[in-house]
């Protein structure tokens, strides 16, 4: 039998999180989610003070934990995420020779309904970008440029807050972003977005004169206090502006990313090119938006074709 994995010896969770951070380059947000899932599982099996003996865990233990999550009335997507975390964790322990058998290998995800991404109509997007009461000052120009980055490049929130001034080249009409797992990519910039960024940069220069000792000179997007924008701050600002044009439950930056991808594919953009622009690791994530485009085509067909509503 292999030696037990105890907190006094090999700390399985800590080693796994370190591996995800240093080798897989997961984001801090993802690392916290993985750690929370694993700590909940550890407490469920071994209690608050018990030492985890991972080599003794079997598939029945995992099933009991999943039933426990169901009794807590967690969404199926949340339960599947926990199961995915456990799979990755036990695969890691097996590679590290801390366990002989992977107890998660035969467990299957719960079935979940397919969710189509939400997106803005062109009219809604036009209203979002035109109706800025503070267009002429720092805050208005910043928010317009920020929303434009989401809507014209499809970047993620974490990518936006990490942009530095040196990542932006208005002359080359390009922007460098650091995606998931530290994968760098270059995004093309729409001429309209370039104009908004140029106006924002001018306002930003004047604004920073009020903060001579700030250490935020290299961050592109700043708060009203001259600090780098946090993910939570960007979400609040985005939701505030989106609330003017839609009351959907999905009013964060990802709505604009979905909108960008849906528009490109519905206009006939090459799916492989869209995949690269979005920074997707696999094609399956991008194909979700083709389903949206097909549904829109079906709807248009049903409305326009004389026999559309009659089969």
Protein backbone atom coordinates (compact mmCIF):
# COMPACT_ATOMS: atom_id res chain seq x y z
CA UNK A 1 0.00 0.00 0.00
CA UNK A 2 1.17 3.51 -0.77
CA UNK A 3 1.93 5.87 2.13
CA UNK A 4 -1.04 7.98 3.27
CA UNK A 5 -1.25 11.55 2.05
CA UNK A 6 -1.51 13.48 5.29
CA UNK A 7 -1.25 17.13 6.12
CA UNK A 8 1.92 16.27 7.96
CA UNK A 9 3.53 14.80 4.86
CA UNK A 10 2.38 15.22 1.27
CA UNK A 11 -0.30 17.91 1.25
CA UNK A 12 -2.30 16.83 -1.77
CA UNK A 13 -4.44 19.95 -2.18
CA UNK A 14 -1.58 22.39 -1.71
CA UNK A 15 0.60 20.46 -4.16
CA UNK A 16 -2.21 20.32 -6.70
CA UNK A 17 -2.96 24.05 -6.47
CA UNK A 18 0.75 24.83 -6.84
CA UNK A 19 0.85 22.63 -9.94
CA UNK A 20 -2.15 24.45 -11.46
CA UNK A 21 -0.57 27.81 -10.69
CA UNK A 22 3.00 27.17 -11.83
CA UNK A 23 2.56 24.68 -14.67
CA UNK A 24 -0.99 25.09 -15.93
CA UNK A 25 -0.93 28.85 -15.23
CA UNK A 26 -4.53 29.01 -14.04
CA UNK A 27 -5.91 32.40 -13.04
CA UNK A 28 -6.27 33.34 -9.34
CA UNK A 29 -10.06 33.14 -9.70
CA UNK A 30 -9.89 29.58 -11.07
CA UNK A 31 -7.39 28.53 -8.41
CA UNK A 32 -9.74 29.75 -5.67
CA UNK A 33 -12.62 27.80 -7.20
CA UNK A 34 -10.56 24.59 -7.36
CA UNK A 35 -9.30 25.02 -3.83
CA UNK A 36 -12.79 25.71 -2.44
CA UNK A 37 -14.17 22.59 -4.13
CA UNK A 38 -11.39 20.40 -2.77
CA UNK A 39 -11.53 21.81 0.74
CA UNK A 40 -15.29 21.19 0.84
CA UNK A 41 -14.69 17.59 -0.22
CA UNK A 42 -11.92 17.16 2.36
CA UNK A 43 -14.12 18.44 5.19
CA UNK A 44 -17.00 16.24 4.02
CA UNK A 45 -14.86 13.10 4.16
CA UNK A 46 -12.43 13.74 6.98
CA UNK A 47 -13.94 16.54 9.08
CA UNK A 48 -12.33 19.84 10.05
CA UNK A 49 -9.42 18.30 11.96
CA UNK A 50 -9.03 14.96 10.21
CA UNK A 51 -5.96 14.19 8.14
CA UNK A 52 -6.87 13.32 4.54
CA UNK A 53 -5.89 9.81 3.47
CA UNK A 54 -6.56 10.16 -0.23
CA UNK A 55 -5.40 6.62 -1.04
CA UNK A 56 -8.42 5.28 0.87
CA UNK A 57 -11.00 7.29 -1.07
CA UNK A 58 -13.17 5.21 -3.41
CA UNK A 59 -15.89 5.95 -5.94
CA UNK A 60 -18.61 5.48 -3.31
CA UNK A 61 -17.12 8.35 -1.31
CA UNK A 62 -17.34 10.59 -4.35
CA UNK A 63 -20.92 9.54 -5.03
CA UNK A 64 -21.87 10.33 -1.44
CA UNK A 65 -20.31 13.76 -1.83
CA UNK A 66 -22.21 14.42 -5.06
CA UNK A 67 -25.47 13.40 -3.35
CA UNK A 68 -24.55 15.79 -0.53
CA UNK A 69 -24.19 18.59 -3.09
CA UNK A 70 -27.55 17.69 -4.62
CA UNK A 71 -29.18 17.87 -1.18
CA UNK A 72 -27.75 21.36 -0.84
CA UNK A 73 -29.74 22.17 -3.99
CA UNK A 74 -26.72 23.31 -5.96
CA UNK A 75 -27.16 23.78 -9.67
CA UNK A 76 -26.17 20.85 -11.84
CA UNK A 77 -23.52 22.98 -13.50
CA UNK A 78 -21.95 23.69 -10.09
CA UNK A 79 -21.97 20.00 -9.20
CA UNK A 80 -20.38 19.11 -12.52
CA UNK A 81 -17.70 21.71 -11.91
CA UNK A 82 -16.92 20.11 -8.53
CA UNK A 83 -16.74 16.70 -10.20
CA UNK A 84 -14.36 18.08 -12.82
CA UNK A 85 -12.17 19.45 -10.04
CA UNK A 86 -12.12 16.06 -8.31
CA UNK A 87 -11.22 14.27 -11.54
CA UNK A 88 -8.28 16.58 -12.14
CA UNK A 89 -7.17 16.24 -8.51
CA UNK A 90 -7.17 12.44 -8.43
CA UNK A 91 -5.47 12.24 -11.81
CA UNK A 92 -2.77 14.48 -10.34
CA UNK A 93 -2.41 12.27 -7.24
CA UNK A 94 -2.07 9.20 -9.43
CA UNK A 95 0.66 10.84 -11.52
CA UNK A 96 2.41 11.73 -8.28
CA UNK A 97 2.11 8.06 -7.20
CA UNK A 98 0.15 9.04 -4.12
CA UNK A 99 -2.74 6.74 -5.08
CA UNK A 100 -2.90 3.52 -7.09
CA UNK A 101 -6.40 3.86 -8.54
CA UNK A 102 -8.38 6.90 -9.63
CA UNK A 103 -11.78 6.73 -7.87
CA UNK A 104 -13.29 9.38 -10.17
CA UNK A 105 -12.63 7.74 -13.52
CA UNK A 106 -16.04 6.08 -13.90
CA UNK A 107 -18.19 8.95 -12.61
CA UNK A 108 -20.26 10.76 -15.21
CA UNK A 109 -21.47 14.34 -15.27
CA UNK A 110 -25.08 15.18 -14.52
CA UNK A 111 -27.11 16.02 -17.59
CA UNK A 112 -27.69 19.73 -18.01
CA UNK A 113 -29.83 21.62 -20.53
CA UNK A 114 -27.91 23.28 -23.30
CA UNK A 115 -27.70 27.00 -22.71
CA UNK A 116 -27.40 29.35 -25.63
CA UNK A 117 -25.25 32.44 -25.05
CA UNK A 118 -27.09 35.70 -24.59
CA UNK A 119 -26.15 38.61 -26.84
CA UNK A 120 -27.16 42.13 -27.78
CA UNK A 121 -28.97 43.03 -30.96
CA UNK A 122 -27.21 45.57 -33.22
CA UNK A 123 -29.79 48.18 -32.15
CA UNK A 124 -29.06 47.57 -28.46
CA UNK A 125 -25.31 47.76 -29.02
CA UNK A 126 -25.71 50.99 -30.96
CA UNK A 127 -27.74 52.49 -28.10
CA UNK A 128 -25.14 51.33 -25.57
CA UNK A 129 -22.27 53.08 -27.32
CA UNK A 130 -24.07 56.27 -28.37
CA UNK A 131 -25.91 57.15 -25.17
CA UNK A 132 -23.03 58.39 -23.02
CA UNK A 133 -23.86 61.48 -20.99
CA UNK A 134 -20.21 61.91 -19.93
CA UNK A 135 -18.55 61.40 -23.31
CA UNK A 136 -16.34 64.45 -22.95
CA UNK A 137 -14.73 63.66 -19.57
CA UNK A 138 -12.32 61.02 -18.33
CA UNK A 139 -14.94 58.68 -16.87
CA UNK A 140 -17.16 58.72 -19.96
CA UNK A 141 -14.33 58.26 -22.43
CA UNK A 142 -12.84 55.49 -20.31
CA UNK A 143 -16.10 53.56 -20.04
CA UNK A 144 -16.85 53.94 -23.74
CA UNK A 145 -13.37 52.69 -24.66
CA UNK A 146 -13.69 49.85 -22.16
CA UNK A 147 -17.07 48.70 -23.50
CA UNK A 148 -15.74 49.10 -27.02
CA UNK A 149 -12.85 46.76 -26.22
CA UNK A 150 -15.32 44.09 -25.12
CA UNK A 151 -17.67 44.63 -28.04
CA UNK A 152 -15.11 45.00 -30.84
CA UNK A 153 -12.50 42.44 -29.74
CA UNK A 154 -14.39 39.88 -27.63
CA UNK A 155 -11.73 39.97 -24.91
CA UNK A 156 -12.36 38.60 -21.43
CA UNK A 157 -12.69 40.76 -18.31
CA UNK A 158 -9.42 39.41 -16.85
CA UNK A 159 -7.66 40.26 -20.09
CA UNK A 160 -8.93 43.83 -20.08
CA UNK A 161 -7.78 44.64 -16.55
CA UNK A 162 -4.28 43.35 -17.29
CA UNK A 163 -3.72 45.51 -20.39
CA UNK A 164 -0.72 47.83 -20.16
CA UNK A 165 -0.09 50.94 -22.23
CA UNK A 166 2.72 49.17 -24.08
CA UNK A 167 0.30 46.45 -25.18
CA UNK A 168 -1.60 48.94 -27.32
CA UNK A 169 -0.48 50.06 -30.77
CA UNK A 170 -2.92 52.44 -32.42
CA UNK A 171 -0.59 52.83 -35.40
CA UNK A 172 -0.62 49.08 -36.07
CA UNK A 173 -4.32 48.84 -35.09
CA UNK A 174 -3.54 46.01 -32.70
CA UNK A 175 -3.70 45.12 -29.03
CA UNK A 176 -1.76 42.42 -27.18
CA UNK A 177 -3.64 40.55 -24.45
CA UNK A 178 -2.65 37.77 -22.10
CA UNK A 179 -5.31 35.07 -22.12
CA UNK A 180 -5.97 32.02 -19.99
CA UNK A 181 -2.89 30.08 -18.90
CA UNK A 182 -0.66 32.97 -19.97
CA UNK A 183 -1.31 32.50 -23.68
CA UNK A 184 -0.60 35.72 -25.52
CA UNK A 185 -2.53 36.78 -28.61
CA UNK A 186 -2.79 39.88 -30.80
CA UNK A 187 -6.21 41.38 -31.44
CA UNK A 188 -7.06 43.63 -34.41
CA UNK A 189 -8.69 46.97 -33.59
CA UNK A 190 -11.70 48.40 -35.38
CA UNK A 191 -11.19 52.00 -36.66
CA UNK A 192 -14.07 53.22 -34.45
CA UNK A 193 -12.45 51.66 -31.38
CA UNK A 194 -9.12 53.24 -32.30
CA UNK A 195 -10.79 56.68 -32.29
CA UNK A 196 -12.33 56.03 -28.86
CA UNK A 197 -9.03 54.78 -27.44
CA UNK A 198 -7.19 57.82 -28.78
CA UNK A 199 -9.67 60.18 -27.11
CA UNK A 200 -9.47 58.20 -23.89
CA UNK A 201 -5.66 58.25 -23.88
CA UNK A 202 -5.66 62.04 -24.18
CA UNK A 203 -8.10 62.33 -21.28
CA UNK A 204 -6.09 59.77 -19.31
CA UNK A 205 -2.90 61.83 -19.65
CA UNK A 206 -4.62 64.92 -18.25
CA UNK A 207 -6.30 62.88 -15.54
CA UNK A 208 -3.02 61.36 -14.33
CA UNK A 209 -1.58 64.83 -13.73
CA UNK A 210 -3.74 64.80 -10.58
CA UNK A 211 -1.92 61.69 -9.35
CA UNK A 212 1.81 62.43 -9.76
CA UNK A 213 2.89 59.65 -7.39
CA UNK A 214 0.63 56.89 -8.69
CA UNK A 215 2.13 53.51 -9.51
CA UNK A 216 -0.55 52.90 -12.15
CA UNK A 217 1.08 54.72 -15.04
CA UNK A 218 1.43 51.55 -17.11
CA UNK A 219 -2.14 50.23 -16.74
CA UNK A 220 -4.44 51.21 -19.60
CA UNK A 221 -7.72 51.41 -17.70
CA UNK A 222 -7.88 53.25 -14.38
CA UNK A 223 -10.58 53.94 -11.81
CA UNK A 224 -11.73 57.41 -10.82
CA UNK A 225 -9.07 57.29 -8.09
CA UNK A 226 -6.23 56.57 -10.48
CA UNK A 227 -5.90 52.91 -9.50
CA UNK A 228 -5.82 49.89 -11.83
CA UNK A 229 -9.32 48.53 -12.47
CA UNK A 230 -10.26 45.35 -10.65
CA UNK A 231 -12.44 42.64 -12.14
CA UNK A 232 -15.28 43.49 -9.74
CA UNK A 233 -15.09 47.18 -10.63
CA UNK A 234 -15.22 46.43 -14.37
CA UNK A 235 -18.22 44.18 -13.85
CA UNK A 236 -20.11 46.88 -11.92
CA UNK A 237 -19.37 49.54 -14.55
CA UNK A 238 -20.40 47.26 -17.39
CA UNK A 239 -23.60 46.21 -15.65
CA UNK A 240 -24.47 49.86 -14.94
CA UNK A 241 -24.29 50.78 -18.61
CA UNK A 242 -25.96 47.60 -19.88
CA UNK A 243 -28.85 48.18 -17.46
CA UNK A 244 -29.85 51.19 -19.57
CA UNK A 245 -30.65 49.03 -22.59
CA UNK A 246 -31.55 45.55 -21.31
CA UNK A 247 -32.97 43.94 -18.20
CA UNK A 248 -31.61 40.47 -18.91
CA UNK A 249 -30.00 38.70 -15.96
CA UNK A 250 -26.77 38.58 -17.96
CA UNK A 251 -25.38 42.12 -17.90
CA UNK A 252 -21.66 41.61 -17.45
CA UNK A 253 -18.67 41.80 -19.80
CA UNK A 254 -19.30 38.25 -21.02
CA UNK A 255 -22.55 39.40 -22.64
CA UNK A 256 -20.46 41.67 -24.88
CA UNK A 257 -18.01 38.85 -25.62
CA UNK A 258 -20.94 36.65 -26.64
CA UNK A 259 -22.29 39.47 -28.79
CA UNK A 260 -18.97 39.90 -30.58
CA UNK A 261 -18.66 36.19 -31.38
CA UNK A 262 -22.27 35.85 -32.50
CA UNK A 263 -22.01 38.82 -34.83
CA UNK A 264 -18.82 37.57 -36.49
CA UNK A 265 -20.14 34.09 -37.15
CA UNK A 266 -23.56 35.29 -38.29
CA UNK A 267 -21.78 37.47 -40.88
CA UNK A 268 -19.86 34.50 -42.25
CA UNK A 269 -16.51 34.86 -40.44
CA UNK A 270 -14.28 31.79 -40.53
CA UNK A 271 -14.83 29.81 -37.33
CA UNK A 272 -11.12 29.04 -36.92
CA UNK A 273 -10.30 32.74 -37.11
CA UNK A 274 -12.98 33.51 -34.52
CA UNK A 275 -11.57 30.77 -32.29
CA UNK A 276 -8.13 32.40 -32.40
CA UNK A 277 -9.49 35.89 -31.73
CA UNK A 278 -11.49 34.68 -28.73
CA UNK A 279 -8.56 32.68 -27.38
CA UNK A 280 -10.49 29.42 -27.12
CA UNK A 281 -8.37 26.34 -26.46
CA UNK A 282 -10.66 24.11 -28.54
CA UNK A 283 -13.17 24.54 -31.33
CA UNK A 284 -16.11 23.23 -29.29
CA UNK A 285 -16.33 26.46 -27.27
CA UNK A 286 -16.54 28.52 -30.46
CA UNK A 287 -19.11 26.24 -32.09
CA UNK A 288 -21.67 27.30 -29.47
CA UNK A 289 -22.03 30.56 -31.36
CA UNK A 290 -22.70 28.80 -34.66
CA UNK A 291 -25.77 27.22 -33.04
CA UNK A 292 -26.97 30.71 -32.11
CA UNK A 293 -26.48 31.88 -35.67
CA UNK A 294 -28.37 28.88 -37.03
CA UNK A 295 -31.27 29.55 -34.68
CA UNK A 296 -31.39 33.14 -35.89
CA UNK A 297 -31.46 31.93 -39.49
CA UNK A 298 -34.27 29.49 -38.68
CA UNK A 299 -36.27 32.26 -37.05
CA UNK A 300 -35.77 34.57 -40.02
CA UNK A 301 -36.73 31.76 -42.40
CA UNK A 302 -39.91 30.99 -40.47
CA UNK A 303 -40.96 34.64 -40.54
CA UNK A 304 -40.10 35.37 -44.17
CA UNK A 305 -40.83 32.17 -46.09
CA UNK A 306 -44.47 31.76 -47.26
CA UNK A 307 -44.51 28.18 -45.96
CA UNK A 308 -42.22 28.84 -43.02
CA UNK A 309 -44.86 28.50 -40.33
CA UNK A 310 -46.71 25.68 -42.01
CA UNK A 311 -43.94 23.10 -42.35
